[in-house]
Amino acid sequence: MRRLLIISPHFPPVNAADMQRVRMLLPFFRQNGWQAQVLAVSADQVASPLDSWLVAGLPADVPVHWVNALGLNWSCVPGLGTLGLRALPALAMAGDRLLEKGGFDLVYFSTTVFEVHILGPRWKRKFRVPFVMDYQDPWVNDYYREHPDVVPPGGRLKYALARALHCWMEPRVLRQCAGVTSVSPAYMKQLERRYPWFKGVAHLVQAFPGSTRDFDRLPRTDADQRQNDRSDGLMHWVYVGRGGGDMAKATRGIFMCLRDYASQELKQRLRLHFIGTSYAPAGKGTKSLAPIATEFGMEHLVEERPDRISYAETLAYLRQADALIVPGSDDPAYTASKIYPYLLASRPLLAVFHENSTVVNLIGKVSGAVCVPFSTNESDAILAERIAAQWLCRARYQELVPLDEDAFRPYTDKGCAAELTAFFETCVAS
């Protein structure tokens, strides 16, 4: 049995997107010959909402080692604002203690807290244990440089300082790793362009898995009750996930489509719900999608709730909606891993994504949705016309597109765990 140490500073009960790969795959590592342990940061020192429902699905036989980072009150000190820097010393000491006992075959950094990845070369040097990096987002992000009209999270100054630090750190870590996993093939191409020597590094492209286990153990929630009590005669379309300026093009296409092509009957009955669209603390989020509805005179149809909600409630909203809509990013490298629970919710689904997004290719393989791709230079009017033809035509919003379960099997939690552990074997052997 191989032994794996997973570095995931965000871990349940913390409800953060970057721990979802680890959370969903942990139950399947042992059956693929890998005994895992997790190194994480205490939840009370993480600036993210908590969700105890996530803990209940974790396997009981996987040890989790918690460390105490500098508290959240240190976030206001320049240079210590991020979790990675606050937790780095504690993670280093805890990792040293675990690895010096021996027996671990591999370290896996599965987190967007990229500062902690610098521990990989340290542990490789001290304990001769190889490490693998997980690129769920780009470490060095070029999107905001290429789209100067979009303000990066935290503001331009914070983004510039962080990017400078990451440009210094990334190549020093990447040269030492045994392999890289990524949610998008575009991230691998970016690394190859930035570092020609990266072509020799083993890599696996694998988005977050889809988990039917999560739907199977859903509790009864307020969303279920609202669905059962619904007597308003309205049609509710739902999107749960982040918003942002990079989704404006797809969102404009949807609202222009409704304004210009939807029947009066549909406009009278339709309500669109955008939920959890901001990463800001509760009560401080800014609406980013409802203002686009206002541009097209559709604001009376829209409810946007920026506050994040629990993962269980997210799944409940997806399952109980009359139809689901997913506006994609105008960044072709962006991979919306949330598309998997949308497909598994078994509801009529509209996905509007950049033509080079992996989501377009995925839906082409497994079906399960009406997918409308768009190009970078395509006008809003043309996109709206194509959405109308494919979604409003014949009332496709009332028609479930069946998911090809056989084609989807490699994208499930069980299938992804088998593929990932096989990749780990390759990295250890090399």
Protein backbone atom coordinates (compact mmCIF):
# COMPACT_ATOMS: atom_id res chain seq x y z
CA MET A 1 0.00 0.00 0.00
CA ARG A 2 1.43 3.36 -1.05
CA ARG A 3 1.26 6.28 1.42
CA LEU A 4 0.21 9.77 0.35
CA LEU A 5 0.41 13.04 2.27
CA ILE A 6 -2.10 15.60 0.95
CA ILE A 7 -1.56 19.29 1.67
CA SER A 8 -4.97 20.99 1.68
CA PRO A 9 -5.03 24.07 3.96
CA HIS A 10 -8.76 24.43 3.26
CA PHE A 11 -10.50 21.28 4.46
CA PRO A 12 -14.00 20.47 5.76
CA PRO A 13 -15.78 21.92 7.61
CA VAL A 14 -14.30 24.83 5.62
CA ASN A 15 -16.48 25.36 2.57
CA ALA A 16 -13.90 26.43 -0.03
CA ALA A 17 -13.83 25.39 -3.67
CA ASP A 18 -10.21 24.23 -3.72
CA MET A 19 -10.74 21.36 -1.26
CA GLN A 20 -13.47 19.69 -3.31
CA ARG A 21 -11.16 17.43 -5.35
CA VAL A 22 -9.60 15.98 -2.21
CA ARG A 23 -12.91 15.70 -0.37
CA MET A 24 -14.63 13.77 -3.16
CA LEU A 25 -11.72 11.44 -4.02
CA LEU A 26 -10.59 10.50 -0.48
CA PRO A 27 -13.13 7.65 -0.11
CA PHE A 28 -11.64 5.90 -3.17
CA PHE A 29 -7.87 6.18 -2.63
CA ARG A 30 -7.51 3.04 -0.48
CA GLN A 31 -9.27 0.79 -2.98
CA ASN A 32 -6.73 2.01 -5.55
CA GLY A 33 -3.74 1.09 -3.38
CA TRP A 34 -3.07 4.44 -1.69
CA GLN A 35 -3.39 5.20 2.01
CA ALA A 36 -3.87 8.96 2.41
CA GLN A 37 -3.36 11.45 5.22
CA VAL A 38 -4.27 15.14 5.10
CA LEU A 39 -2.47 18.19 6.47
CA ALA A 40 -4.85 21.15 6.93
CA VAL A 41 -5.28 24.44 8.78
CA SER A 42 -7.71 24.74 11.70
CA ALA A 43 -11.06 25.94 10.45
CA ASP A 44 -11.31 28.84 12.92
CA GLN A 45 -8.23 30.42 11.32
CA VAL A 46 -9.62 30.37 7.77
CA ALA A 47 -11.67 33.23 6.36
CA SER A 48 -14.25 31.00 4.69
CA PRO A 49 -17.74 29.83 5.68
CA LEU A 50 -18.12 26.48 7.44
CA ASP A 51 -20.34 23.57 6.43
CA SER A 52 -20.54 20.58 8.77
CA TRP A 53 -22.36 18.56 6.11
CA LEU A 54 -19.08 18.26 4.21
CA VAL A 55 -17.44 16.50 7.17
CA ALA A 56 -20.07 13.78 7.33
CA GLY A 57 -19.03 12.42 3.93
CA LEU A 58 -15.35 11.97 4.78
CA PRO A 59 -13.94 8.44 5.27
CA ALA A 60 -13.27 7.63 8.93
CA ASP A 61 -9.98 5.85 8.18
CA VAL A 62 -8.15 8.90 6.75
CA PRO A 63 -6.15 10.81 9.41
CA VAL A 64 -6.37 14.61 9.24
CA HIS A 65 -3.59 16.61 10.92
CA TRP A 66 -4.63 20.15 11.87
CA VAL A 67 -2.19 23.00 12.38
CA ASN A 68 -2.67 26.39 14.02
CA ALA A 69 -1.70 29.26 11.77
CA LEU A 70 -1.42 32.90 12.73
CA GLY A 71 -4.96 34.03 13.52
CA LEU A 72 -7.23 36.05 11.26
CA ASN A 73 -6.38 39.23 13.18
CA TRP A 74 -2.92 39.06 11.55
CA SER A 75 -4.53 39.52 8.12
CA CYS A 76 -4.36 43.29 8.46
CA VAL A 77 -0.55 43.18 8.80
CA PRO A 78 1.11 43.85 5.40
CA GLY A 79 2.60 40.65 4.01
CA LEU A 80 0.55 38.35 6.26
CA GLY A 81 -2.88 38.78 4.74
CA THR A 82 -3.08 35.46 2.90
CA LEU A 83 -3.66 32.09 4.53
CA GLY A 84 -0.59 30.70 2.78
CA LEU A 85 1.80 33.07 4.51
CA ARG A 86 0.03 32.87 7.87
CA ALA A 87 0.07 29.06 7.84
CA LEU A 88 3.41 28.39 6.16
CA PRO A 89 5.58 27.95 9.31
CA ALA A 90 3.04 25.68 11.01
CA LEU A 91 2.55 23.52 7.90
CA ALA A 92 6.33 23.26 7.48
CA MET A 93 6.86 22.03 11.04
CA ALA A 94 3.95 19.60 10.94
CA GLY A 95 5.05 18.22 7.58
CA ASP A 96 8.60 17.79 8.89
CA ARG A 97 7.32 15.73 11.81
CA LEU A 98 5.22 13.49 9.59
CA LEU A 99 7.82 12.96 6.86
CA GLU A 100 10.82 12.38 9.11
CA LYS A 101 9.10 9.26 10.43
CA GLY A 102 9.36 7.87 6.91
CA GLY A 103 6.98 5.76 4.89
CA PHE A 104 5.40 8.36 2.65
CA ASP A 105 5.79 7.79 -1.07
CA LEU A 106 4.43 11.10 -2.33
CA VAL A 107 3.25 14.57 -1.25
CA TYR A 108 0.29 16.09 -3.14
CA PHE A 109 -0.40 19.83 -2.95
CA SER A 110 -4.07 20.20 -3.88
CA THR A 111 -4.85 23.83 -3.08
CA THR A 112 -5.02 27.30 -4.59
CA VAL A 113 -3.10 28.56 -1.54
CA PHE A 114 -0.04 28.51 -3.77
CA GLU A 115 2.43 29.94 -1.26
CA VAL A 116 2.52 26.60 0.58
CA HIS A 117 3.74 24.82 -2.57
CA ILE A 118 7.25 26.08 -1.77
CA LEU A 119 7.35 23.38 0.91
CA GLY A 120 7.60 20.77 -1.87
CA PRO A 121 11.29 21.41 -2.70
CA ARG A 122 12.07 21.65 1.03
CA TRP A 123 10.62 18.23 1.78
CA LYS A 124 12.09 16.69 -1.34
CA ARG A 125 15.53 17.88 -0.27
CA LYS A 126 15.22 16.89 3.40
CA PHE A 127 13.30 13.62 3.12
CA ARG A 128 13.74 12.55 -0.51
CA VAL A 129 9.98 12.42 -1.03
CA PRO A 130 8.68 13.56 -4.46
CA PHE A 131 5.74 15.95 -4.73
CA VAL A 132 2.95 16.69 -7.19
CA MET A 133 1.26 20.09 -7.68
CA ASP A 134 -2.42 20.68 -8.44
CA TYR A 135 -3.24 23.66 -10.67
CA GLN A 136 -6.90 24.36 -9.95
CA ASP A 137 -6.23 27.96 -10.99
CA PRO A 138 -3.14 29.49 -12.60
CA TRP A 139 -0.48 30.30 -10.01
CA VAL A 140 0.67 33.22 -12.18
CA ASN A 141 -2.52 34.65 -13.66
CA ASP A 142 -2.31 36.57 -16.95
CA TYR A 143 -6.05 37.11 -17.34
CA TYR A 144 -6.20 40.53 -15.72
CA ARG A 145 -3.18 41.77 -17.65
CA GLU A 146 -4.85 40.69 -20.89
CA HIS A 147 -8.20 42.20 -19.79
CA PRO A 148 -7.28 45.55 -18.19
CA ASP A 149 -10.94 46.58 -18.11
CA VAL A 150 -11.67 43.86 -15.51
CA VAL A 151 -10.71 44.77 -11.93
CA PRO A 152 -9.01 41.80 -10.20
CA PRO A 153 -10.26 40.58 -6.81
CA GLY A 154 -8.72 42.68 -4.05
CA GLY A 155 -7.85 45.53 -6.41
CA ARG A 156 -5.05 46.20 -8.87
CA LEU A 157 -2.30 46.98 -6.34
CA LYS A 158 -2.83 43.81 -4.33
CA TYR A 159 -2.99 41.79 -7.54
CA ALA A 160 0.26 43.32 -8.85
CA LEU A 161 2.16 42.62 -5.62
CA ALA A 162 0.86 39.05 -5.41
CA ARG A 163 1.69 38.40 -9.05
CA ALA A 164 5.27 39.60 -8.58
CA LEU A 165 5.72 37.22 -5.65
CA HIS A 166 4.17 34.33 -7.57
CA CYS A 167 6.37 34.98 -10.64
CA TRP A 168 9.39 34.56 -8.39
CA MET A 169 8.10 31.45 -6.59
CA GLU A 170 6.52 29.39 -9.38
CA PRO A 171 9.57 28.35 -11.45
CA ARG A 172 11.58 27.51 -8.32
CA VAL A 173 8.91 25.05 -7.22
CA LEU A 174 7.87 23.76 -10.62
CA ARG A 175 11.39 22.67 -11.56
CA GLN A 176 11.49 20.33 -8.56
CA CYS A 177 8.08 18.64 -8.83
CA ALA A 178 7.50 15.10 -10.06
CA GLY A 179 4.26 15.96 -11.81
CA VAL A 180 1.37 18.38 -12.19
CA THR A 181 -2.37 17.90 -12.23
CA SER A 182 -4.61 20.59 -13.69
CA VAL A 183 -8.30 21.25 -14.19
CA SER A 184 -7.64 22.75 -17.64
CA PRO A 185 -5.34 21.85 -20.53
CA ALA A 186 -4.93 25.60 -21.13
CA TYR A 187 -3.04 25.93 -17.83
CA MET A 188 -0.52 23.36 -19.04
CA LYS A 189 -0.06 25.22 -22.31
CA GLN A 190 0.50 28.46 -20.39
CA LEU A 191 3.25 26.78 -18.36
CA GLU A 192 4.89 25.44 -21.51
CA ARG A 193 4.92 28.92 -23.04
CA ARG A 194 6.32 30.46 -19.87
CA TYR A 195 8.89 27.72 -19.17
CA PRO A 196 10.05 25.72 -22.22
CA TRP A 197 11.57 23.09 -19.93
CA PHE A 198 8.10 22.28 -18.49
CA LYS A 199 7.31 20.05 -21.49
CA GLY A 200 9.34 17.31 -19.77
CA VAL A 201 7.22 17.37 -16.60
CA ALA A 202 4.57 14.65 -16.23
CA HIS A 203 1.08 16.11 -16.14
CA LEU A 204 -2.56 15.02 -15.95
CA VAL A 205 -5.56 17.15 -16.89
CA GLN A 206 -8.49 16.27 -14.67
CA ALA A 207 -11.37 18.51 -13.62
CA PHE A 208 -13.13 18.09 -10.29
CA PRO A 209 -15.23 14.90 -10.32
CA GLY A 210 -18.97 14.52 -10.26
CA SER A 211 -20.29 12.84 -7.12
CA THR A 212 -23.61 11.04 -7.02
CA ARG A 213 -22.77 10.25 -3.37
CA ASP A 214 -23.33 13.91 -2.52
CA PHE A 215 -26.82 13.93 -4.02
CA ASP A 216 -27.65 10.61 -2.35
CA ARG A 217 -26.98 11.96 1.13
CA LEU A 218 -28.61 15.37 0.74
CA PRO A 219 -30.58 16.45 3.81
CA ARG A 220 -33.94 18.14 3.57
CA THR A 221 -33.27 21.88 3.25
CA ASP A 222 -35.17 25.15 2.95
CA ALA A 223 -34.77 24.87 -0.81
CA ASP A 224 -36.66 21.55 -0.77
CA GLN A 225 -39.43 23.07 1.30
CA ARG A 226 -39.78 26.03 -1.03
CA GLN A 227 -40.09 23.65 -3.98
CA ASN A 228 -42.72 21.53 -2.25
CA ASP A 229 -44.71 24.60 -1.20
CA ARG A 230 -44.43 26.33 -4.58
CA SER A 231 -47.82 27.46 -5.76
CA ASP A 232 -46.89 30.70 -7.48
CA GLY A 233 -47.28 29.29 -10.99
CA LEU A 234 -43.89 30.72 -11.94
CA MET A 235 -40.99 29.09 -13.73
CA HIS A 236 -37.73 29.30 -11.75
CA TRP A 237 -34.35 29.14 -13.48
CA VAL A 238 -31.36 28.90 -11.16
CA TYR A 239 -27.64 29.56 -11.25
CA VAL A 240 -25.50 28.92 -8.15
CA GLY A 241 -21.86 29.97 -8.32
CA ARG A 242 -19.57 32.90 -8.62
CA GLY A 243 -20.27 35.90 -10.81
CA GLY A 244 -17.78 38.42 -12.13
CA GLY A 245 -16.89 40.55 -15.11
CA ASP A 246 -15.55 37.62 -17.11
CA MET A 247 -19.08 36.16 -17.21
CA ALA A 248 -20.64 39.34 -18.57
CA LYS A 249 -20.59 38.26 -22.22
CA ALA A 250 -22.48 35.01 -21.63
CA THR A 251 -24.90 36.75 -19.26
CA ARG A 252 -25.60 39.55 -21.75
CA GLY A 253 -26.35 36.94 -24.40
CA ILE A 254 -28.88 35.28 -22.11
CA PHE A 255 -30.70 38.50 -21.19
CA MET A 256 -30.70 39.84 -24.74
CA CYS A 257 -32.17 36.51 -25.83
CA LEU A 258 -34.96 36.80 -23.27
CA ARG A 259 -35.68 40.42 -24.15
CA ASP A 260 -35.81 39.90 -27.92
CA TYR A 261 -37.05 36.35 -28.37
CA ALA A 262 -38.98 35.14 -25.30
CA SER A 263 -42.77 35.14 -25.53
CA GLN A 264 -44.80 37.44 -23.32
CA GLU A 265 -46.19 34.42 -21.53
CA LEU A 266 -42.68 33.21 -20.66
CA LYS A 267 -41.60 36.69 -19.52
CA GLN A 268 -44.61 36.85 -17.21
CA ARG A 269 -43.90 33.47 -15.64
CA LEU A 270 -40.11 33.45 -15.58
CA ARG A 271 -37.90 34.19 -12.56
CA LEU A 272 -34.10 33.89 -12.62
CA HIS A 273 -32.15 33.30 -9.40
CA PHE A 274 -28.40 33.97 -9.19
CA ILE A 275 -27.15 32.67 -5.84
CA GLY A 276 -23.76 32.80 -4.13
CA THR A 277 -22.20 35.04 -6.76
CA SER A 278 -19.58 36.74 -4.53
CA TYR A 279 -16.67 35.45 -2.45
CA ALA A 280 -17.01 38.43 -0.09
CA PRO A 281 -18.07 37.88 3.56
CA ALA A 282 -21.80 37.62 4.19
CA GLY A 283 -23.57 40.90 3.65
CA LYS A 284 -20.64 42.54 1.84
CA GLY A 285 -20.89 40.98 -1.60
CA THR A 286 -21.54 43.08 -4.69
CA LYS A 287 -24.08 42.05 -7.32
CA SER A 288 -22.40 41.45 -10.68
CA LEU A 289 -25.11 39.75 -12.78
CA ALA A 290 -28.33 41.57 -11.86
CA PRO A 291 -26.95 44.89 -13.22
CA ILE A 292 -26.65 43.21 -16.62
CA ALA A 293 -30.33 42.32 -16.46
CA THR A 294 -31.04 46.01 -15.87
CA GLU A 295 -29.20 46.88 -19.10
CA PHE A 296 -31.82 44.90 -21.01
CA GLY A 297 -34.86 45.87 -18.95
CA MET A 298 -35.09 42.43 -17.37
CA GLU A 299 -34.39 43.41 -13.76
CA HIS A 300 -37.94 42.55 -12.65
CA LEU A 301 -37.26 38.90 -13.52
CA VAL A 302 -34.05 38.61 -11.52
CA GLU A 303 -33.04 37.91 -7.94
CA GLU A 304 -29.29 37.96 -7.18
CA ARG A 305 -28.04 36.88 -3.75
CA PRO A 306 -24.25 37.43 -3.57
CA ASP A 307 -23.79 35.66 -0.21
CA ARG A 308 -22.27 32.20 -0.42
CA ILE A 309 -24.37 29.23 0.66
CA SER A 310 -23.48 25.76 1.89
CA TYR A 311 -22.61 23.02 -0.58
CA ALA A 312 -25.60 20.92 0.48
CA GLU A 313 -27.93 23.85 -0.12
CA THR A 314 -26.28 24.44 -3.48
CA LEU A 315 -27.10 20.89 -4.56
CA ALA A 316 -30.64 21.24 -3.25
CA TYR A 317 -31.23 24.41 -5.29
CA LEU A 318 -29.92 22.65 -8.41
CA ARG A 319 -32.11 19.61 -7.87
CA GLN A 320 -35.28 21.61 -7.21
CA ALA A 321 -35.03 24.23 -9.99
CA ASP A 322 -37.35 24.16 -12.97
CA ALA A 323 -34.28 24.71 -15.16
CA LEU A 324 -30.59 25.52 -14.68
CA ILE A 325 -28.45 28.09 -16.47
CA VAL A 326 -24.66 28.37 -16.36
CA PRO A 327 -23.03 31.48 -17.88
CA GLY A 328 -19.39 30.71 -18.60
CA SER A 329 -16.28 32.85 -18.51
CA ASP A 330 -14.89 34.65 -21.54
CA ASP A 331 -11.52 33.18 -20.55
CA PRO A 332 -11.12 30.03 -22.69
CA ALA A 333 -8.77 28.56 -20.07
CA TYR A 334 -11.44 28.67 -17.36
CA THR A 335 -12.84 25.27 -16.49
CA ALA A 336 -16.10 25.36 -14.54
CA SER A 337 -15.83 22.21 -12.44
CA LYS A 338 -19.25 23.07 -11.03
CA ILE A 339 -20.69 21.81 -14.32
CA TYR A 340 -20.58 18.24 -12.94
CA PRO A 341 -23.20 18.70 -10.18
CA TYR A 342 -25.29 20.66 -12.69
CA LEU A 343 -25.25 17.66 -15.02
CA LEU A 344 -25.99 15.23 -12.18
CA ALA A 345 -28.94 17.30 -10.92
CA SER A 346 -31.02 15.96 -13.83
CA ARG A 347 -32.73 19.23 -14.71
CA PRO A 348 -33.10 21.05 -18.05
CA LEU A 349 -29.74 22.79 -18.39
CA LEU A 350 -28.42 25.66 -20.51
CA ALA A 351 -24.62 26.12 -20.61
CA VAL A 352 -23.19 29.19 -22.41
CA PHE A 353 -19.41 28.84 -22.62
CA HIS A 354 -16.44 29.99 -24.65
CA GLU A 355 -15.99 27.72 -27.65
CA ASN A 356 -12.51 26.65 -26.43
CA SER A 357 -13.66 25.82 -22.91
CA THR A 358 -13.32 22.20 -21.83
CA VAL A 359 -17.00 22.36 -20.83
CA VAL A 360 -18.02 22.47 -24.50
CA ASN A 361 -15.97 19.36 -25.23
CA LEU A 362 -17.31 17.60 -22.12
CA ILE A 363 -20.97 18.16 -22.98
CA GLY A 364 -20.24 17.02 -26.51
CA LYS A 365 -19.13 13.69 -25.02
CA VAL A 366 -21.65 13.12 -22.24
CA SER A 367 -24.64 15.24 -23.33
CA GLY A 368 -26.94 16.26 -20.45
CA ALA A 369 -27.35 19.92 -21.49
CA VAL A 370 -28.10 22.40 -24.23
CA CYS A 371 -24.66 23.90 -24.82
CA VAL A 372 -24.27 27.19 -26.70
CA PRO A 373 -20.60 28.06 -27.34
CA PHE A 374 -19.49 31.60 -28.15
CA SER A 375 -16.34 33.09 -29.67
CA THR A 376 -14.33 35.98 -28.31
CA ASN A 377 -15.32 38.46 -31.01
CA GLU A 378 -18.92 37.34 -31.41
CA SER A 379 -21.53 40.06 -30.92
CA ASP A 380 -24.12 39.87 -28.16
CA ALA A 381 -26.88 39.90 -30.78
CA ILE A 382 -25.55 36.83 -32.59
CA LEU A 383 -25.06 34.96 -29.32
CA ALA A 384 -28.59 35.86 -28.21
CA GLU A 385 -30.01 34.62 -31.51
CA ARG A 386 -28.24 31.28 -31.18
CA ILE A 387 -29.36 30.87 -27.54
CA ALA A 388 -32.91 31.51 -28.67
CA ALA A 389 -32.66 28.95 -31.47
CA GLN A 390 -31.25 26.23 -29.24
CA TRP A 391 -32.91 26.95 -25.86
CA LEU A 392 -36.18 28.79 -26.42
CA CYS A 393 -37.02 26.88 -29.59
CA ARG A 394 -39.50 24.10 -28.84
CA ALA A 395 -39.35 25.10 -25.15
CA ARG A 396 -36.11 23.20 -24.50
CA TYR A 397 -36.11 24.73 -21.00
CA GLN A 398 -38.84 22.21 -20.18
CA GLU A 399 -36.99 19.24 -21.69
CA LEU A 400 -34.39 17.15 -19.87
CA VAL A 401 -31.41 16.24 -22.05
CA PRO A 402 -30.40 12.77 -20.79
CA LEU A 403 -26.87 12.32 -19.48
CA ASP A 404 -24.91 9.46 -21.06
CA GLU A 405 -23.98 7.60 -17.87
CA ASP A 406 -21.44 5.33 -19.56
CA ALA A 407 -19.64 8.27 -21.15
CA PHE A 408 -19.77 10.17 -17.85
CA ARG A 409 -18.28 7.33 -15.75
CA PRO A 410 -14.62 8.49 -16.12
CA TYR A 411 -15.67 11.87 -14.71
CA THR A 412 -17.21 10.46 -11.53
CA ASP A 413 -15.41 10.48 -8.18
CA LYS A 414 -14.64 6.78 -8.47
CA GLY A 415 -13.34 7.06 -12.04
CA CYS A 416 -11.23 10.14 -11.30
CA ALA A 417 -9.68 8.50 -8.22
CA ALA A 418 -8.52 5.55 -10.30
CA GLU A 419 -7.01 7.84 -12.92
CA LEU A 420 -5.31 10.09 -10.36
CA THR A 421 -3.73 7.26 -8.37
CA ALA A 422 -2.41 5.72 -11.59
CA PHE A 423 -0.79 9.09 -12.31
CA PHE A 424 0.72 9.09 -8.82
CA GLU A 425 2.31 5.72 -9.58
CA THR A 426 3.89 7.21 -12.70
CA CYS A 427 5.26 10.16 -10.72
CA VAL A 428 6.75 7.92 -8.00
CA ALA A 429 8.32 5.60 -10.59
CA SER A 430 9.95 8.50 -12.42
